[in-house]
Amino acid sequence: FTTWKNEHYEYHGQCDLVMMSDPKFADDLGLDIHIRTKIVRYWSYIKSVAIRIGNDILEIEGTLDEDDAEPHYWINYEYQGELDDYA
C-alpha cells in the first residue's frame, strides 16, 4: 500500500481493512471505503472493495479467470444492480 503521504508498506494477511472514512463528506452524506484482502500462499491481494456514500453501497470484486470479462459488482447488495437516485 502507498499512503497519501507517499509512504509505502506491505501487509500480507487476510482481513477487511478500512481504507478511508469521512462522515462529513458531501454535506454529511459520509464516505467509507473498505478493502478485503485474501491470502494466497505467502502473499495476499485485494479481493474486493466496498464504497459507501450516504445510503448507497458499491462493491467491486475481481476475478482470477482471464476469460471472465463480466463485471462483478453489487449496488446496494443487488448483483449488477442500478442506482435509483444520485447524490
N, C-alpha and C. Protein backbone atom coordinates (compact mmCIF):
# COMPACT_ATOMS: atom_id res chain seq x y z
N PHE A 1 0.84 -1.18 0.00
CA PHE A 1 0.00 0.00 0.00
C PHE A 1 0.88 1.24 0.00
N THR A 2 0.40 2.28 -0.64
CA THR A 2 1.07 3.57 -0.58
C THR A 2 0.10 4.56 0.03
N THR A 3 0.53 5.24 1.07
CA THR A 3 -0.33 6.18 1.78
C THR A 3 -0.44 7.49 1.03
N TRP A 4 -1.33 8.36 1.52
CA TRP A 4 -1.49 9.69 0.92
C TRP A 4 -0.21 10.49 1.02
N LYS A 5 0.64 10.17 2.00
CA LYS A 5 1.92 10.87 2.18
C LYS A 5 3.05 10.18 1.42
N ASN A 6 2.69 9.27 0.50
CA ASN A 6 3.63 8.54 -0.33
C ASN A 6 4.53 7.60 0.46
N GLU A 7 4.06 7.13 1.60
CA GLU A 7 4.79 6.14 2.37
C GLU A 7 4.33 4.76 1.92
N HIS A 8 5.26 3.84 1.72
CA HIS A 8 4.95 2.51 1.22
C HIS A 8 5.13 1.47 2.32
N TYR A 9 4.16 0.58 2.42
CA TYR A 9 4.30 -0.55 3.33
C TYR A 9 3.54 -1.74 2.77
N GLU A 10 3.93 -2.92 3.22
CA GLU A 10 3.30 -4.15 2.76
C GLU A 10 2.64 -4.86 3.92
N TYR A 11 1.52 -5.47 3.62
CA TYR A 11 0.81 -6.25 4.62
C TYR A 11 0.31 -7.51 3.93
N HIS A 12 0.79 -8.65 4.35
CA HIS A 12 0.39 -9.91 3.74
C HIS A 12 -0.47 -10.69 4.74
N GLY A 13 -1.73 -10.38 4.73
CA GLY A 13 -2.68 -11.07 5.61
C GLY A 13 -4.04 -11.06 4.96
N GLN A 14 -4.97 -11.75 5.59
CA GLN A 14 -6.34 -11.80 5.07
C GLN A 14 -7.26 -11.14 6.08
N CYS A 15 -7.90 -10.04 5.65
CA CYS A 15 -8.79 -9.34 6.56
C CYS A 15 -9.54 -8.25 5.80
N ASP A 16 -10.41 -7.58 6.51
CA ASP A 16 -11.10 -6.39 5.99
C ASP A 16 -10.40 -5.17 6.57
N LEU A 17 -10.10 -4.21 5.73
CA LEU A 17 -9.39 -3.01 6.16
C LEU A 17 -10.22 -1.77 5.82
N VAL A 18 -10.22 -0.81 6.72
CA VAL A 18 -10.86 0.47 6.45
C VAL A 18 -9.79 1.35 5.82
N MET A 19 -9.98 1.65 4.54
CA MET A 19 -9.01 2.49 3.84
C MET A 19 -9.27 3.96 4.11
N MET A 20 -10.57 4.31 4.19
CA MET A 20 -10.91 5.71 4.39
C MET A 20 -12.31 5.82 4.99
N SER A 21 -12.50 6.80 5.86
CA SER A 21 -13.81 7.09 6.43
C SER A 21 -13.91 8.59 6.67
N ASP A 22 -14.95 9.19 6.11
CA ASP A 22 -15.16 10.63 6.27
C ASP A 22 -16.65 10.89 6.45
N PRO A 23 -17.11 11.01 7.70
CA PRO A 23 -18.55 11.22 7.95
C PRO A 23 -19.06 12.57 7.46
N LYS A 24 -18.18 13.53 7.20
CA LYS A 24 -18.59 14.87 6.75
C LYS A 24 -18.60 15.01 5.22
N PHE A 25 -18.23 13.97 4.50
CA PHE A 25 -18.14 14.01 3.04
C PHE A 25 -19.49 14.41 2.43
N ALA A 26 -19.46 15.26 1.43
CA ALA A 26 -20.64 15.68 0.66
C ALA A 26 -21.79 16.13 1.55
N ASP A 27 -21.51 17.17 2.33
CA ASP A 27 -22.54 17.73 3.21
C ASP A 27 -23.13 16.69 4.16
N ASP A 28 -22.26 15.93 4.79
CA ASP A 28 -22.60 14.93 5.82
C ASP A 28 -23.26 13.66 5.28
N LEU A 29 -23.19 13.40 3.97
CA LEU A 29 -23.64 12.09 3.47
C LEU A 29 -22.74 10.98 4.00
N GLY A 30 -21.46 11.27 4.06
CA GLY A 30 -20.49 10.30 4.55
C GLY A 30 -19.88 9.47 3.44
N LEU A 31 -18.65 9.05 3.66
CA LEU A 31 -17.92 8.22 2.71
C LEU A 31 -17.12 7.20 3.48
N ASP A 32 -17.24 5.93 3.09
CA ASP A 32 -16.43 4.85 3.66
C ASP A 32 -15.90 4.01 2.52
N ILE A 33 -14.62 3.67 2.58
CA ILE A 33 -14.01 2.77 1.61
C ILE A 33 -13.33 1.66 2.38
N HIS A 34 -13.78 0.42 2.13
CA HIS A 34 -13.23 -0.76 2.78
C HIS A 34 -12.65 -1.68 1.72
N ILE A 35 -11.55 -2.34 2.05
CA ILE A 35 -10.97 -3.32 1.15
C ILE A 35 -10.89 -4.66 1.86
N ARG A 36 -11.08 -5.72 1.10
CA ARG A 36 -11.00 -7.08 1.64
C ARG A 36 -9.83 -7.78 0.96
N THR A 37 -8.90 -8.25 1.75
CA THR A 37 -7.74 -8.94 1.21
C THR A 37 -7.92 -10.45 1.37
N LYS A 38 -7.25 -11.19 0.51
CA LYS A 38 -7.28 -12.65 0.56
C LYS A 38 -5.85 -13.15 0.49
N ILE A 39 -5.53 -14.10 1.35
CA ILE A 39 -4.17 -14.62 1.39
C ILE A 39 -4.05 -15.80 0.41
N VAL A 40 -2.92 -15.83 -0.28
CA VAL A 40 -2.59 -16.91 -1.21
C VAL A 40 -1.14 -17.29 -0.93
N ARG A 41 -0.94 -18.45 -0.41
CA ARG A 41 0.39 -18.94 -0.04
C ARG A 41 1.09 -17.94 0.90
N TYR A 42 2.07 -17.20 0.37
CA TYR A 42 2.86 -16.29 1.20
C TYR A 42 2.59 -14.83 0.91
N TRP A 43 1.55 -14.53 0.18
CA TRP A 43 1.22 -13.14 -0.15
C TRP A 43 -0.29 -12.99 -0.17
N SER A 44 -0.74 -11.76 -0.26
CA SER A 44 -2.18 -11.52 -0.32
C SER A 44 -2.47 -10.49 -1.41
N TYR A 45 -3.74 -10.41 -1.78
CA TYR A 45 -4.15 -9.46 -2.81
C TYR A 45 -5.49 -8.86 -2.41
N ILE A 46 -5.85 -7.73 -3.02
CA ILE A 46 -7.14 -7.10 -2.75
C ILE A 46 -8.19 -7.85 -3.55
N LYS A 47 -9.09 -8.51 -2.85
CA LYS A 47 -10.14 -9.30 -3.50
C LYS A 47 -11.34 -8.45 -3.87
N SER A 48 -11.72 -7.53 -2.99
CA SER A 48 -12.88 -6.69 -3.27
C SER A 48 -12.76 -5.36 -2.55
N VAL A 49 -13.54 -4.41 -3.05
CA VAL A 49 -13.58 -3.06 -2.48
C VAL A 49 -15.04 -2.67 -2.32
N ALA A 50 -15.38 -2.07 -1.18
CA ALA A 50 -16.73 -1.57 -0.96
C ALA A 50 -16.65 -0.07 -0.69
N ILE A 51 -17.49 0.68 -1.39
CA ILE A 51 -17.53 2.14 -1.24
C ILE A 51 -18.95 2.53 -0.87
N ARG A 52 -19.09 3.23 0.26
CA ARG A 52 -20.39 3.71 0.69
C ARG A 52 -20.41 5.22 0.65
N ILE A 53 -21.40 5.79 -0.02
CA ILE A 53 -21.66 7.23 0.00
C ILE A 53 -23.12 7.39 0.38
N GLY A 54 -23.37 8.03 1.51
CA GLY A 54 -24.74 8.15 2.00
C GLY A 54 -25.31 6.78 2.29
N ASN A 55 -26.46 6.46 1.70
CA ASN A 55 -27.09 5.16 1.91
C ASN A 55 -26.77 4.17 0.79
N ASP A 56 -25.96 4.56 -0.18
CA ASP A 56 -25.65 3.70 -1.32
C ASP A 56 -24.30 3.03 -1.14
N ILE A 57 -24.24 1.75 -1.50
CA ILE A 57 -23.01 0.96 -1.38
C ILE A 57 -22.70 0.33 -2.72
N LEU A 58 -21.47 0.50 -3.18
CA LEU A 58 -20.97 -0.16 -4.38
C LEU A 58 -19.87 -1.11 -3.95
N GLU A 59 -19.98 -2.38 -4.31
CA GLU A 59 -18.93 -3.36 -4.03
C GLU A 59 -18.45 -3.92 -5.35
N ILE A 60 -17.13 -3.97 -5.52
CA ILE A 60 -16.50 -4.44 -6.74
C ILE A 60 -15.56 -5.59 -6.39
N GLU A 61 -15.64 -6.65 -7.18
CA GLU A 61 -14.79 -7.82 -6.91
C GLU A 61 -14.10 -8.25 -8.19
N GLY A 62 -12.83 -8.55 -8.09
CA GLY A 62 -12.07 -9.03 -9.23
C GLY A 62 -12.21 -10.54 -9.38
N THR A 63 -11.61 -11.06 -10.43
CA THR A 63 -11.61 -12.49 -10.67
C THR A 63 -10.25 -12.92 -11.18
N LEU A 64 -9.89 -14.16 -10.91
CA LEU A 64 -8.64 -14.70 -11.42
C LEU A 64 -8.80 -15.32 -12.80
N ASP A 65 -10.04 -15.45 -13.26
CA ASP A 65 -10.33 -16.07 -14.55
C ASP A 65 -10.10 -15.06 -15.68
N GLU A 66 -9.07 -15.28 -16.47
CA GLU A 66 -8.75 -14.35 -17.56
C GLU A 66 -9.83 -14.31 -18.64
N ASP A 67 -10.63 -15.37 -18.74
CA ASP A 67 -11.69 -15.41 -19.75
C ASP A 67 -13.00 -14.80 -19.26
N ASP A 68 -13.05 -14.40 -18.00
CA ASP A 68 -14.26 -13.83 -17.42
C ASP A 68 -14.22 -12.31 -17.58
N ALA A 69 -14.90 -11.80 -18.61
CA ALA A 69 -14.91 -10.36 -18.87
C ALA A 69 -16.12 -9.68 -18.25
N GLU A 70 -16.98 -10.44 -17.59
CA GLU A 70 -18.19 -9.88 -16.97
C GLU A 70 -17.82 -9.04 -15.75
N PRO A 71 -18.38 -7.86 -15.62
CA PRO A 71 -18.11 -7.05 -14.42
C PRO A 71 -18.80 -7.67 -13.20
N HIS A 72 -18.08 -7.75 -12.10
CA HIS A 72 -18.61 -8.30 -10.86
C HIS A 72 -18.77 -7.16 -9.86
N TYR A 73 -20.00 -6.67 -9.73
CA TYR A 73 -20.25 -5.59 -8.78
C TYR A 73 -21.66 -5.72 -8.23
N TRP A 74 -21.84 -5.12 -7.07
CA TRP A 74 -23.13 -5.08 -6.41
C TRP A 74 -23.43 -3.64 -6.04
N ILE A 75 -24.65 -3.21 -6.27
CA ILE A 75 -25.09 -1.90 -5.82
C ILE A 75 -26.21 -2.14 -4.82
N ASN A 76 -25.98 -1.68 -3.61
CA ASN A 76 -26.94 -1.87 -2.51
C ASN A 76 -27.34 -3.34 -2.39
N TYR A 77 -26.32 -4.21 -2.41
CA TYR A 77 -26.45 -5.66 -2.21
C TYR A 77 -27.11 -6.39 -3.37
N GLU A 78 -27.39 -5.71 -4.48
CA GLU A 78 -28.01 -6.35 -5.65
C GLU A 78 -26.94 -6.52 -6.73
N TYR A 79 -26.75 -7.79 -7.16
CA TYR A 79 -25.73 -8.07 -8.16
C TYR A 79 -26.05 -7.32 -9.46
N GLN A 80 -25.11 -6.53 -9.91
CA GLN A 80 -25.22 -5.68 -11.10
C GLN A 80 -26.49 -4.82 -11.05
N GLY A 81 -26.81 -4.36 -9.85
CA GLY A 81 -27.98 -3.50 -9.66
C GLY A 81 -27.77 -2.11 -10.22
N GLU A 82 -28.81 -1.31 -10.14
CA GLU A 82 -28.76 0.06 -10.62
C GLU A 82 -29.10 1.01 -9.49
N LEU A 83 -28.60 2.22 -9.58
CA LEU A 83 -28.94 3.25 -8.60
C LEU A 83 -30.26 3.87 -8.96
N ASP A 84 -31.08 4.08 -7.95
CA ASP A 84 -32.38 4.72 -8.16
C ASP A 84 -32.27 6.24 -8.21
N ASP A 85 -31.35 6.76 -7.42
CA ASP A 85 -31.14 8.21 -7.40
C ASP A 85 -29.65 8.49 -7.26
N TYR A 86 -29.27 9.70 -7.54
CA TYR A 86 -27.87 10.09 -7.46
C TYR A 86 -27.74 11.22 -6.46
N ALA A 87 -26.72 11.11 -5.63
CA ALA A 87 -26.50 12.12 -4.59
C ALA A 87 -26.11 13.45 -5.17
